[in-house]
Amino acid sequence: MDPRLKTYQQEGVKGMPDKMKKILITLSLVFVLCVSFTSLGIAYAGGIRGAGLLGVWFFLTFGIVVVLAQLIPAGILLASFAGATFNSLRRGEMPVGTA
């Protein structure tokens, strides 16, 4: 294989420019911090104090992150499936469901 034809996907994170890596890491940390402080505020406002506050904080934070990690790819797949079902790529074809 010609080395000039390698893509980011084939090279993984190694092929990503350093500036893009820093931006991605910064955005990821900001997102996790926002979610964690929001869940901390919800737990504190709910009346949880002391050591239980830390447990609820971690439970809510990682619960939200795990749910989003599953929902975002599922939403992308569902949107692409719906687009492929109702939109035809060829001009002469009738889309499914309008026959």
PDB file of N, CA and C in Angstrom:
ATOM      1  N   MET A   1       0.837  -1.177   0.000  1.00  0.00           N
ATOM      2  CA  MET A   1       0.000   0.000   0.000  1.00  0.00           C
ATOM      3  C   MET A   1       0.883   1.243   0.000  1.00  0.00           C
ATOM      4  N   ASP A   2       0.493   2.184  -0.780  1.00  0.00           N
ATOM      5  CA  ASP A   2       1.242   3.428  -0.889  1.00  0.00           C
ATOM      6  C   ASP A   2       1.120   4.219   0.412  1.00  0.00           C
ATOM      7  N   PRO A   3       2.247   4.600   1.039  1.00  0.00           N
ATOM      8  CA  PRO A   3       2.160   5.313   2.325  1.00  0.00           C
ATOM      9  C   PRO A   3       1.476   6.667   2.222  1.00  0.00           C
ATOM     10  N   ARG A   4       1.406   7.238   1.020  1.00  0.00           N
ATOM     11  CA  ARG A   4       0.736   8.526   0.866  1.00  0.00           C
ATOM     12  C   ARG A   4      -0.776   8.413   0.956  1.00  0.00           C
ATOM     13  N   LEU A   5      -1.307   7.180   0.840  1.00  0.00           N
ATOM     14  CA  LEU A   5      -2.747   6.980   0.847  1.00  0.00           C
ATOM     15  C   LEU A   5      -3.317   6.686   2.235  1.00  0.00           C
ATOM     16  N   LYS A   6      -2.478   6.726   3.263  1.00  0.00           N
ATOM     17  CA  LYS A   6      -2.964   6.443   4.613  1.00  0.00           C
ATOM     18  C   LYS A   6      -3.900   7.552   5.079  1.00  0.00           C
ATOM     19  N   THR A   7      -4.925   7.163   5.789  1.00  0.00           N
ATOM     20  CA  THR A   7      -5.875   8.132   6.331  1.00  0.00           C
ATOM     21  C   THR A   7      -5.731   8.190   7.838  1.00  0.00           C
ATOM     22  N   TYR A   8      -6.447   9.145   8.458  1.00  0.00           N
ATOM     23  CA  TYR A   8      -6.449   9.231   9.922  1.00  0.00           C
ATOM     24  C   TYR A   8      -6.980   7.946  10.539  1.00  0.00           C
ATOM     25  N   GLN A   9      -7.966   7.339   9.882  1.00  0.00           N
ATOM     26  CA  GLN A   9      -8.567   6.139  10.436  1.00  0.00           C
ATOM     27  C   GLN A   9      -7.565   4.990  10.468  1.00  0.00           C
ATOM     28  N   GLN A  10      -6.749   4.865   9.452  1.00  0.00           N
ATOM     29  CA  GLN A  10      -5.771   3.786   9.410  1.00  0.00           C
ATOM     30  C   GLN A  10      -4.624   4.051  10.373  1.00  0.00           C
ATOM     31  N   GLU A  11      -4.237   5.299  10.532  1.00  0.00           N
ATOM     32  CA  GLU A  11      -3.127   5.628  11.409  1.00  0.00           C
ATOM     33  C   GLU A  11      -3.564   5.798  12.846  1.00  0.00           C
ATOM     34  N   GLY A  12      -4.835   5.998  13.089  1.00  0.00           N
ATOM     35  CA  GLY A  12      -5.324   6.225  14.439  1.00  0.00           C
ATOM     36  C   GLY A  12      -4.974   7.614  14.921  1.00  0.00           C
ATOM     37  N   VAL A  13      -4.767   7.747  16.209  1.00  0.00           N
ATOM     38  CA  VAL A  13      -4.475   9.059  16.800  1.00  0.00           C
ATOM     39  C   VAL A  13      -3.087   9.531  16.416  1.00  0.00           C
ATOM     40  N   LYS A  14      -2.190   8.623  16.042  1.00  0.00           N
ATOM     41  CA  LYS A  14      -0.820   9.011  15.683  1.00  0.00           C
ATOM     42  C   LYS A  14      -0.795   9.942  14.478  1.00  0.00           C
ATOM     43  N   GLY A  15      -1.749   9.761  13.539  1.00  0.00           N
ATOM     44  CA  GLY A  15      -1.766  10.579  12.344  1.00  0.00           C
ATOM     45  C   GLY A  15      -2.423  11.927  12.532  1.00  0.00           C
ATOM     46  N   MET A  16      -3.028  12.150  13.689  1.00  0.00           N
ATOM     47  CA  MET A  16      -3.711  13.407  13.945  1.00  0.00           C
ATOM     48  C   MET A  16      -2.687  14.484  14.311  1.00  0.00           C
ATOM     49  N   PRO A  17      -2.837  15.678  13.774  1.00  0.00           N
ATOM     50  CA  PRO A  17      -1.904  16.760  14.125  1.00  0.00           C
ATOM     51  C   PRO A  17      -1.975  17.083  15.619  1.00  0.00           C
ATOM     52  N   ASP A  18      -0.860  17.565  16.162  1.00  0.00           N
ATOM     53  CA  ASP A  18      -0.778  17.852  17.594  1.00  0.00           C
ATOM     54  C   ASP A  18      -1.779  18.914  18.036  1.00  0.00           C
ATOM     55  N   LYS A  19      -1.996  19.903  17.197  1.00  0.00           N
ATOM     56  CA  LYS A  19      -2.938  20.969  17.554  1.00  0.00           C
ATOM     57  C   LYS A  19      -4.352  20.398  17.679  1.00  0.00           C
ATOM     58  N   MET A  20      -4.716  19.495  16.784  1.00  0.00           N
ATOM     59  CA  MET A  20      -6.042  18.891  16.832  1.00  0.00           C
ATOM     60  C   MET A  20      -6.190  17.996  18.064  1.00  0.00           C
ATOM     61  N   LYS A  21      -5.108  17.297  18.429  1.00  0.00           N
ATOM     62  CA  LYS A  21      -5.134  16.462  19.640  1.00  0.00           C
ATOM     63  C   LYS A  21      -5.395  17.314  20.872  1.00  0.00           C
ATOM     64  N   LYS A  22      -4.689  18.452  20.965  1.00  0.00           N
ATOM     65  CA  LYS A  22      -4.851  19.329  22.117  1.00  0.00           C
ATOM     66  C   LYS A  22      -6.264  19.880  22.194  1.00  0.00           C
ATOM     67  N   ILE A  23      -6.826  20.263  21.056  1.00  0.00           N
ATOM     68  CA  ILE A  23      -8.193  20.780  21.026  1.00  0.00           C
ATOM     69  C   ILE A  23      -9.178  19.706  21.457  1.00  0.00           C
ATOM     70  N   LEU A  24      -9.010  18.493  20.963  1.00  0.00           N
ATOM     71  CA  LEU A  24      -9.906  17.389  21.304  1.00  0.00           C
ATOM     72  C   LEU A  24      -9.825  17.037  22.787  1.00  0.00           C
ATOM     73  N   ILE A  25      -8.622  17.001  23.325  1.00  0.00           N
ATOM     74  CA  ILE A  25      -8.450  16.702  24.755  1.00  0.00           C
ATOM     75  C   ILE A  25      -9.067  17.807  25.606  1.00  0.00           C
ATOM     76  N   THR A  26      -8.863  19.065  25.224  1.00  0.00           N
ATOM     77  CA  THR A  26      -9.432  20.183  25.975  1.00  0.00           C
ATOM     78  C   THR A  26     -10.951  20.138  25.960  1.00  0.00           C
ATOM     79  N   LEU A  27     -11.543  19.912  24.792  1.00  0.00           N
ATOM     80  CA  LEU A  27     -13.000  19.837  24.699  1.00  0.00           C
ATOM     81  C   LEU A  27     -13.554  18.672  25.505  1.00  0.00           C
ATOM     82  N   SER A  28     -12.859  17.539  25.500  1.00  0.00           N
ATOM     83  CA  SER A  28     -13.308  16.379  26.272  1.00  0.00           C
ATOM     84  C   SER A  28     -13.282  16.674  27.759  1.00  0.00           C
ATOM     85  N   LEU A  29     -12.201  17.292  28.233  1.00  0.00           N
ATOM     86  CA  LEU A  29     -12.104  17.624  29.654  1.00  0.00           C
ATOM     87  C   LEU A  29     -13.143  18.653  30.074  1.00  0.00           C
ATOM     88  N   VAL A  30     -13.384  19.641  29.236  1.00  0.00           N
ATOM     89  CA  VAL A  30     -14.399  20.650  29.545  1.00  0.00           C
ATOM     90  C   VAL A  30     -15.776  20.008  29.627  1.00  0.00           C
ATOM     91  N   PHE A  31     -16.072  19.096  28.710  1.00  0.00           N
ATOM     92  CA  PHE A  31     -17.369  18.412  28.722  1.00  0.00           C
ATOM     93  C   PHE A  31     -17.552  17.597  29.994  1.00  0.00           C
ATOM     94  N   VAL A  32     -16.547  16.802  30.354  1.00  0.00           N
ATOM     95  CA  VAL A  32     -16.654  15.960  31.550  1.00  0.00           C
ATOM     96  C   VAL A  32     -16.757  16.828  32.806  1.00  0.00           C
ATOM     97  N   LEU A  33     -16.005  17.919  32.868  1.00  0.00           N
ATOM     98  CA  LEU A  33     -16.101  18.815  34.023  1.00  0.00           C
ATOM     99  C   LEU A  33     -17.474  19.470  34.120  1.00  0.00           C
ATOM    100  N   CYS A  34     -18.031  19.875  32.999  1.00  0.00           N
ATOM    101  CA  CYS A  34     -19.375  20.471  33.018  1.00  0.00           C
ATOM    102  C   CYS A  34     -20.415  19.473  33.513  1.00  0.00           C
ATOM    103  N   VAL A  35     -20.346  18.249  33.004  1.00  0.00           N
ATOM    104  CA  VAL A  35     -21.294  17.217  33.438  1.00  0.00           C
ATOM    105  C   VAL A  35     -21.101  16.910  34.912  1.00  0.00           C
ATOM    106  N   SER A  36     -19.853  16.813  35.360  1.00  0.00           N
ATOM    107  CA  SER A  36     -19.613  16.452  36.763  1.00  0.00           C
ATOM    108  C   SER A  36     -20.054  17.556  37.719  1.00  0.00           C
ATOM    109  N   PHE A  37     -19.803  18.810  37.394  1.00  0.00           N
ATOM    110  CA  PHE A  37     -20.237  19.879  38.288  1.00  0.00           C
ATOM    111  C   PHE A  37     -21.752  20.059  38.274  1.00  0.00           C
ATOM    112  N   THR A  38     -22.379  19.794  37.137  1.00  0.00           N
ATOM    113  CA  THR A  38     -23.840  19.831  37.088  1.00  0.00           C
ATOM    114  C   THR A  38     -24.435  18.739  37.958  1.00  0.00           C
ATOM    115  N   SER A  39     -23.892  17.525  37.856  1.00  0.00           N
ATOM    116  CA  SER A  39     -24.416  16.439  38.685  1.00  0.00           C
ATOM    117  C   SER A  39     -24.105  16.673  40.160  1.00  0.00           C
ATOM    118  N   LEU A  40     -22.981  17.315  40.473  1.00  0.00           N
ATOM    119  CA  LEU A  40     -22.673  17.668  41.855  1.00  0.00           C
ATOM    120  C   LEU A  40     -23.690  18.677  42.386  1.00  0.00           C
ATOM    121  N   GLY A  41     -24.030  19.644  41.575  1.00  0.00           N
ATOM    122  CA  GLY A  41     -25.036  20.632  41.976  1.00  0.00           C
ATOM    123  C   GLY A  41     -26.408  20.016  42.176  1.00  0.00           C
ATOM    124  N   ILE A  42     -26.777  19.078  41.305  1.00  0.00           N
ATOM    125  CA  ILE A  42     -28.070  18.405  41.450  1.00  0.00           C
ATOM    126  C   ILE A  42     -28.101  17.597  42.741  1.00  0.00           C
ATOM    127  N   ALA A  43     -27.023  16.871  43.025  1.00  0.00           N
ATOM    128  CA  ALA A  43     -26.975  16.060  44.246  1.00  0.00           C
ATOM    129  C   ALA A  43     -26.995  16.948  45.485  1.00  0.00           C
ATOM    130  N   TYR A  44     -26.268  18.053  45.451  1.00  0.00           N
ATOM    131  CA  TYR A  44     -26.223  18.947  46.611  1.00  0.00           C
ATOM    132  C   TYR A  44     -27.583  19.600  46.831  1.00  0.00           C
ATOM    133  N   ALA A  45     -28.226  20.025  45.736  1.00  0.00           N
ATOM    134  CA  ALA A  45     -29.546  20.649  45.853  1.00  0.00           C
ATOM    135  C   ALA A  45     -30.591  19.640  46.321  1.00  0.00           C
ATOM    136  N   GLY A  46     -30.361  18.366  46.048  1.00  0.00           N
ATOM    137  CA  GLY A  46     -31.284  17.329  46.484  1.00  0.00           C
ATOM    138  C   GLY A  46     -31.144  16.983  47.952  1.00  0.00           C
ATOM    139  N   GLY A  47     -30.202  17.585  48.638  1.00  0.00           N
ATOM    140  CA  GLY A  47     -30.071  17.392  50.070  1.00  0.00           C
ATOM    141  C   GLY A  47     -29.062  16.342  50.484  1.00  0.00           C
ATOM    142  N   ILE A  48     -28.248  15.879  49.568  1.00  0.00           N
ATOM    143  CA  ILE A  48     -27.248  14.861  49.904  1.00  0.00           C
ATOM    144  C   ILE A  48     -25.991  15.574  50.394  1.00  0.00           C
ATOM    145  N   ARG A  49     -25.495  15.174  51.564  1.00  0.00           N
ATOM    146  CA  ARG A  49     -24.317  15.807  52.133  1.00  0.00           C
ATOM    147  C   ARG A  49     -23.309  14.745  52.540  1.00  0.00           C
ATOM    148  N   GLY A  50     -22.090  15.166  52.786  1.00  0.00           N
ATOM    149  CA  GLY A  50     -21.056  14.278  53.298  1.00  0.00           C
ATOM    150  C   GLY A  50     -20.499  13.340  52.234  1.00  0.00           C
ATOM    151  N   ALA A  51     -20.131  12.122  52.668  1.00  0.00           N
ATOM    152  CA  ALA A  51     -19.501  11.142  51.777  1.00  0.00           C
ATOM    153  C   ALA A  51     -20.473  10.654  50.714  1.00  0.00           C
ATOM    154  N   GLY A  52     -21.750  10.664  51.034  1.00  0.00           N
ATOM    155  CA  GLY A  52     -22.753  10.246  50.037  1.00  0.00           C
ATOM    156  C   GLY A  52     -22.792  11.154  48.838  1.00  0.00           C
ATOM    157  N   LEU A  53     -22.419  12.424  49.064  1.00  0.00           N
ATOM    158  CA  LEU A  53     -22.396  13.386  47.958  1.00  0.00           C
ATOM    159  C   LEU A  53     -21.393  12.965  46.890  1.00  0.00           C
ATOM    160  N   LEU A  54     -20.226  12.468  47.317  1.00  0.00           N
ATOM    161  CA  LEU A  54     -19.224  12.020  46.341  1.00  0.00           C
ATOM    162  C   LEU A  54     -19.704  10.805  45.568  1.00  0.00           C
ATOM    163  N   GLY A  55     -20.356   9.867  46.253  1.00  0.00           N
ATOM    164  CA  GLY A  55     -20.861   8.678  45.575  1.00  0.00           C
ATOM    165  C   GLY A  55     -21.906   9.017  44.529  1.00  0.00           C
ATOM    166  N   VAL A  56     -22.849   9.873  44.903  1.00  0.00           N
ATOM    167  CA  VAL A  56     -23.893  10.290  43.957  1.00  0.00           C
ATOM    168  C   VAL A  56     -23.281  11.097  42.827  1.00  0.00           C
ATOM    169  N   TRP A  57     -22.281  11.906  43.150  1.00  0.00           N
ATOM    170  CA  TRP A  57     -21.617  12.721  42.135  1.00  0.00           C
ATOM    171  C   TRP A  57     -20.993  11.836  41.058  1.00  0.00           C
ATOM    172  N   PHE A  58     -20.208  10.834  41.477  1.00  0.00           N
ATOM    173  CA  PHE A  58     -19.574   9.940  40.507  1.00  0.00           C
ATOM    174  C   PHE A  58     -20.602   9.092  39.771  1.00  0.00           C
ATOM    175  N   PHE A  59     -21.622   8.637  40.482  1.00  0.00           N
ATOM    176  CA  PHE A  59     -22.655   7.816  39.848  1.00  0.00           C
ATOM    177  C   PHE A  59     -23.373   8.596  38.746  1.00  0.00           C
ATOM    178  N   LEU A  60     -23.785   9.828  39.051  1.00  0.00           N
ATOM    179  CA  LEU A  60     -24.476  10.641  38.050  1.00  0.00           C
ATOM    180  C   LEU A  60     -23.556  11.016  36.891  1.00  0.00           C
ATOM    181  N   THR A  61     -22.331  11.405  37.205  1.00  0.00           N
ATOM    182  CA  THR A  61     -21.403  11.843  36.156  1.00  0.00           C
ATOM    183  C   THR A  61     -21.126  10.722  35.164  1.00  0.00           C
ATOM    184  N   PHE A  62     -20.699   9.568  35.669  1.00  0.00           N
ATOM    185  CA  PHE A  62     -20.335   8.496  34.755  1.00  0.00           C
ATOM    186  C   PHE A  62     -21.557   7.836  34.140  1.00  0.00           C
ATOM    187  N   GLY A  63     -22.688   7.898  34.821  1.00  0.00           N
ATOM    188  CA  GLY A  63     -23.933   7.412  34.218  1.00  0.00           C
ATOM    189  C   GLY A  63     -24.313   8.236  33.008  1.00  0.00           C
ATOM    190  N   ILE A  64     -24.213   9.555  33.150  1.00  0.00           N
ATOM    191  CA  ILE A  64     -24.549  10.440  32.024  1.00  0.00           C
ATOM    192  C   ILE A  64     -23.564  10.243  30.878  1.00  0.00           C
ATOM    193  N   VAL A  65     -22.284  10.141  31.181  1.00  0.00           N
ATOM    194  CA  VAL A  65     -21.271   9.973  30.128  1.00  0.00           C
ATOM    195  C   VAL A  65     -21.473   8.651  29.393  1.00  0.00           C
ATOM    196  N   VAL A  66     -21.773   7.572  30.119  1.00  0.00           N
ATOM    197  CA  VAL A  66     -21.982   6.269  29.481  1.00  0.00           C
ATOM    198  C   VAL A  66     -23.241   6.278  28.619  1.00  0.00           C
ATOM    199  N   VAL A  67     -24.307   6.891  29.106  1.00  0.00           N
ATOM    200  CA  VAL A  67     -25.544   6.964  28.321  1.00  0.00           C
ATOM    201  C   VAL A  67     -25.319   7.765  27.042  1.00  0.00           C
ATOM    202  N   LEU A  68     -24.616   8.896  27.145  1.00  0.00           N
ATOM    203  CA  LEU A  68     -24.342   9.687  25.940  1.00  0.00           C
ATOM    204  C   LEU A  68     -23.430   8.943  24.968  1.00  0.00           C
ATOM    205  N   ALA A  69     -22.496   8.166  25.506  1.00  0.00           N
ATOM    206  CA  ALA A  69     -21.608   7.393  24.639  1.00  0.00           C
ATOM    207  C   ALA A  69     -22.383   6.330  23.868  1.00  0.00           C
ATOM    208  N   GLN A  70     -23.535   5.912  24.364  1.00  0.00           N
ATOM    209  CA  GLN A  70     -24.358   4.944  23.643  1.00  0.00           C
ATOM    210  C   GLN A  70     -25.380   5.630  22.754  1.00  0.00           C
ATOM    211  N   LEU A  71     -25.934   6.765  23.198  1.00  0.00           N
ATOM    212  CA  LEU A  71     -26.996   7.428  22.449  1.00  0.00           C
ATOM    213  C   LEU A  71     -26.506   8.147  21.197  1.00  0.00           C
ATOM    214  N   ILE A  72     -25.333   8.732  21.264  1.00  0.00           N
ATOM    215  CA  ILE A  72     -24.854   9.510  20.114  1.00  0.00           C
ATOM    216  C   ILE A  72     -24.616   8.612  18.895  1.00  0.00           C
ATOM    217  N   PRO A  73     -23.876   7.489  19.007  1.00  0.00           N
ATOM    218  CA  PRO A  73     -23.736   6.622  17.833  1.00  0.00           C
ATOM    219  C   PRO A  73     -25.059   5.998  17.395  1.00  0.00           C
ATOM    220  N   ALA A  74     -25.933   5.684  18.360  1.00  0.00           N
ATOM    221  CA  ALA A  74     -27.235   5.121  17.996  1.00  0.00           C
ATOM    222  C   ALA A  74     -28.063   6.138  17.210  1.00  0.00           C
ATOM    223  N   GLY A  75     -28.002   7.397  17.613  1.00  0.00           N
ATOM    224  CA  GLY A  75     -28.715   8.442  16.887  1.00  0.00           C
ATOM    225  C   GLY A  75     -28.173   8.642  15.481  1.00  0.00           C
ATOM    226  N   ILE A  76     -26.863   8.557  15.341  1.00  0.00           N
ATOM    227  CA  ILE A  76     -26.256   8.688  14.014  1.00  0.00           C
ATOM    228  C   ILE A  76     -26.701   7.530  13.111  1.00  0.00           C
ATOM    229  N   LEU A  77     -26.681   6.309  13.660  1.00  0.00           N
ATOM    230  CA  LEU A  77     -27.117   5.155  12.877  1.00  0.00           C
ATOM    231  C   LEU A  77     -28.587   5.254  12.499  1.00  0.00           C
ATOM    232  N   LEU A  78     -29.433   5.675  13.436  1.00  0.00           N
ATOM    233  CA  LEU A  78     -30.856   5.803  13.157  1.00  0.00           C
ATOM    234  C   LEU A  78     -31.114   6.858  12.092  1.00  0.00           C
ATOM    235  N   ALA A  79     -30.409   7.990  12.174  1.00  0.00           N
ATOM    236  CA  ALA A  79     -30.586   9.050  11.184  1.00  0.00           C
ATOM    237  C   ALA A  79     -30.127   8.599   9.800  1.00  0.00           C
ATOM    238  N   SER A  80     -29.016   7.869   9.736  1.00  0.00           N
ATOM    239  CA  SER A  80     -28.550   7.412   8.428  1.00  0.00           C
ATOM    240  C   SER A  80     -29.474   6.337   7.866  1.00  0.00           C
ATOM    241  N   PHE A  81     -30.037   5.498   8.741  1.00  0.00           N
ATOM    242  CA  PHE A  81     -30.993   4.484   8.281  1.00  0.00           C
ATOM    243  C   PHE A  81     -32.256   5.142   7.740  1.00  0.00           C
ATOM    244  N   ALA A  82     -32.762   6.143   8.461  1.00  0.00           N
ATOM    245  CA  ALA A  82     -33.964   6.837   7.997  1.00  0.00           C
ATOM    246  C   ALA A  82     -33.685   7.566   6.688  1.00  0.00           C
ATOM    247  N   GLY A  83     -32.513   8.164   6.575  1.00  0.00           N
ATOM    248  CA  GLY A  83     -32.171   8.847   5.328  1.00  0.00           C
ATOM    249  C   GLY A  83     -32.045   7.897   4.161  1.00  0.00           C
ATOM    250  N   ALA A  84     -31.481   6.713   4.415  1.00  0.00           N
ATOM    251  CA  ALA A  84     -31.340   5.731   3.344  1.00  0.00           C
ATOM    252  C   ALA A  84     -32.679   5.113   2.968  1.00  0.00           C
ATOM    253  N   THR A  85     -33.599   5.044   3.910  1.00  0.00           N
ATOM    254  CA  THR A  85     -34.899   4.434   3.631  1.00  0.00           C
ATOM    255  C   THR A  85     -35.777   5.355   2.801  1.00  0.00           C
ATOM    256  N   PHE A  86     -35.782   6.631   3.122  1.00  0.00           N
ATOM    257  CA  PHE A  86     -36.737   7.540   2.486  1.00  0.00           C
ATOM    258  C   PHE A  86     -36.141   8.409   1.387  1.00  0.00           C
ATOM    259  N   ASN A  87     -34.855   8.376   1.181  1.00  0.00           N
ATOM    260  CA  ASN A  87     -34.237   9.169   0.122  1.00  0.00           C
ATOM    261  C   ASN A  87     -33.539   8.248  -0.860  1.00  0.00           C
ATOM    262  N   SER A  88     -33.819   8.457  -2.122  1.00  0.00           N
ATOM    263  CA  SER A  88     -33.193   7.656  -3.155  1.00  0.00           C
ATOM    264  C   SER A  88     -31.939   8.358  -3.664  1.00  0.00           C
ATOM    265  N   LEU A  89     -30.899   7.563  -3.922  1.00  0.00           N
ATOM    266  CA  LEU A  89     -29.677   8.151  -4.454  1.00  0.00           C
ATOM    267  C   LEU A  89     -29.761   8.343  -5.971  1.00  0.00           C
ATOM    268  N   ARG A  90     -30.633   7.607  -6.600  1.00  0.00           N
ATOM    269  CA  ARG A  90     -30.788   7.717  -8.059  1.00  0.00           C
ATOM    270  C   ARG A  90     -32.030   8.543  -8.369  1.00  0.00           C
ATOM    271  N   ARG A  91     -31.948   9.361  -9.400  1.00  0.00           N
ATOM    272  CA  ARG A  91     -33.068  10.228  -9.741  1.00  0.00           C
ATOM    273  C   ARG A  91     -34.279   9.454 -10.249  1.00  0.00           C
ATOM    274  N   GLY A  92     -34.041   8.359 -10.926  1.00  0.00           N
ATOM    275  CA  GLY A  92     -35.133   7.622 -11.538  1.00  0.00           C
ATOM    276  C   GLY A  92     -35.870   6.694 -10.585  1.00  0.00           C
ATOM    277  N   GLU A  93     -35.336   6.471  -9.407  1.00  0.00           N
ATOM    278  CA  GLU A  93     -35.948   5.534  -8.463  1.00  0.00           C
ATOM    279  C   GLU A  93     -37.010   6.218  -7.614  1.00  0.00           C
ATOM    280  N   MET A  94     -38.009   5.409  -7.237  1.00  0.00           N
ATOM    281  CA  MET A  94     -38.992   5.879  -6.270  1.00  0.00           C
ATOM    282  C   MET A  94     -38.512   5.506  -4.884  1.00  0.00           C
ATOM    283  N   PRO A  95     -38.546   6.422  -3.935  1.00  0.00           N
ATOM    284  CA  PRO A  95     -38.164   6.064  -2.574  1.00  0.00           C
ATOM    285  C   PRO A  95     -39.148   5.063  -1.974  1.00  0.00           C
ATOM    286  N   VAL A  96     -38.682   4.285  -1.010  1.00  0.00           N
ATOM    287  CA  VAL A  96     -39.525   3.292  -0.357  1.00  0.00           C
ATOM    288  C   VAL A  96     -40.609   4.030   0.430  1.00  0.00           C
ATOM    289  N   GLY A  97     -41.820   3.527   0.365  1.00  0.00           N
ATOM    290  CA  GLY A  97     -42.916   4.091   1.154  1.00  0.00           C
ATOM    291  C   GLY A  97     -43.756   5.083   0.390  1.00  0.00           C
ATOM    292  N   THR A  98     -43.381   5.493  -0.807  1.00  0.00           N
ATOM    293  CA  THR A  98     -44.193   6.437  -1.565  1.00  0.00           C
ATOM    294  C   THR A  98     -44.831   5.774  -2.773  1.00  0.00           C
ATOM    295  N   ALA A  99     -44.681   4.457  -2.902  1.00  0.00           N
ATOM    296  CA  ALA A  99     -45.230   3.765  -4.068  1.00  0.00           C
ATOM    297  C   ALA A  99     -46.726   3.598  -3.966  1.00  0.00           C
TER     298      ALA A  99
END
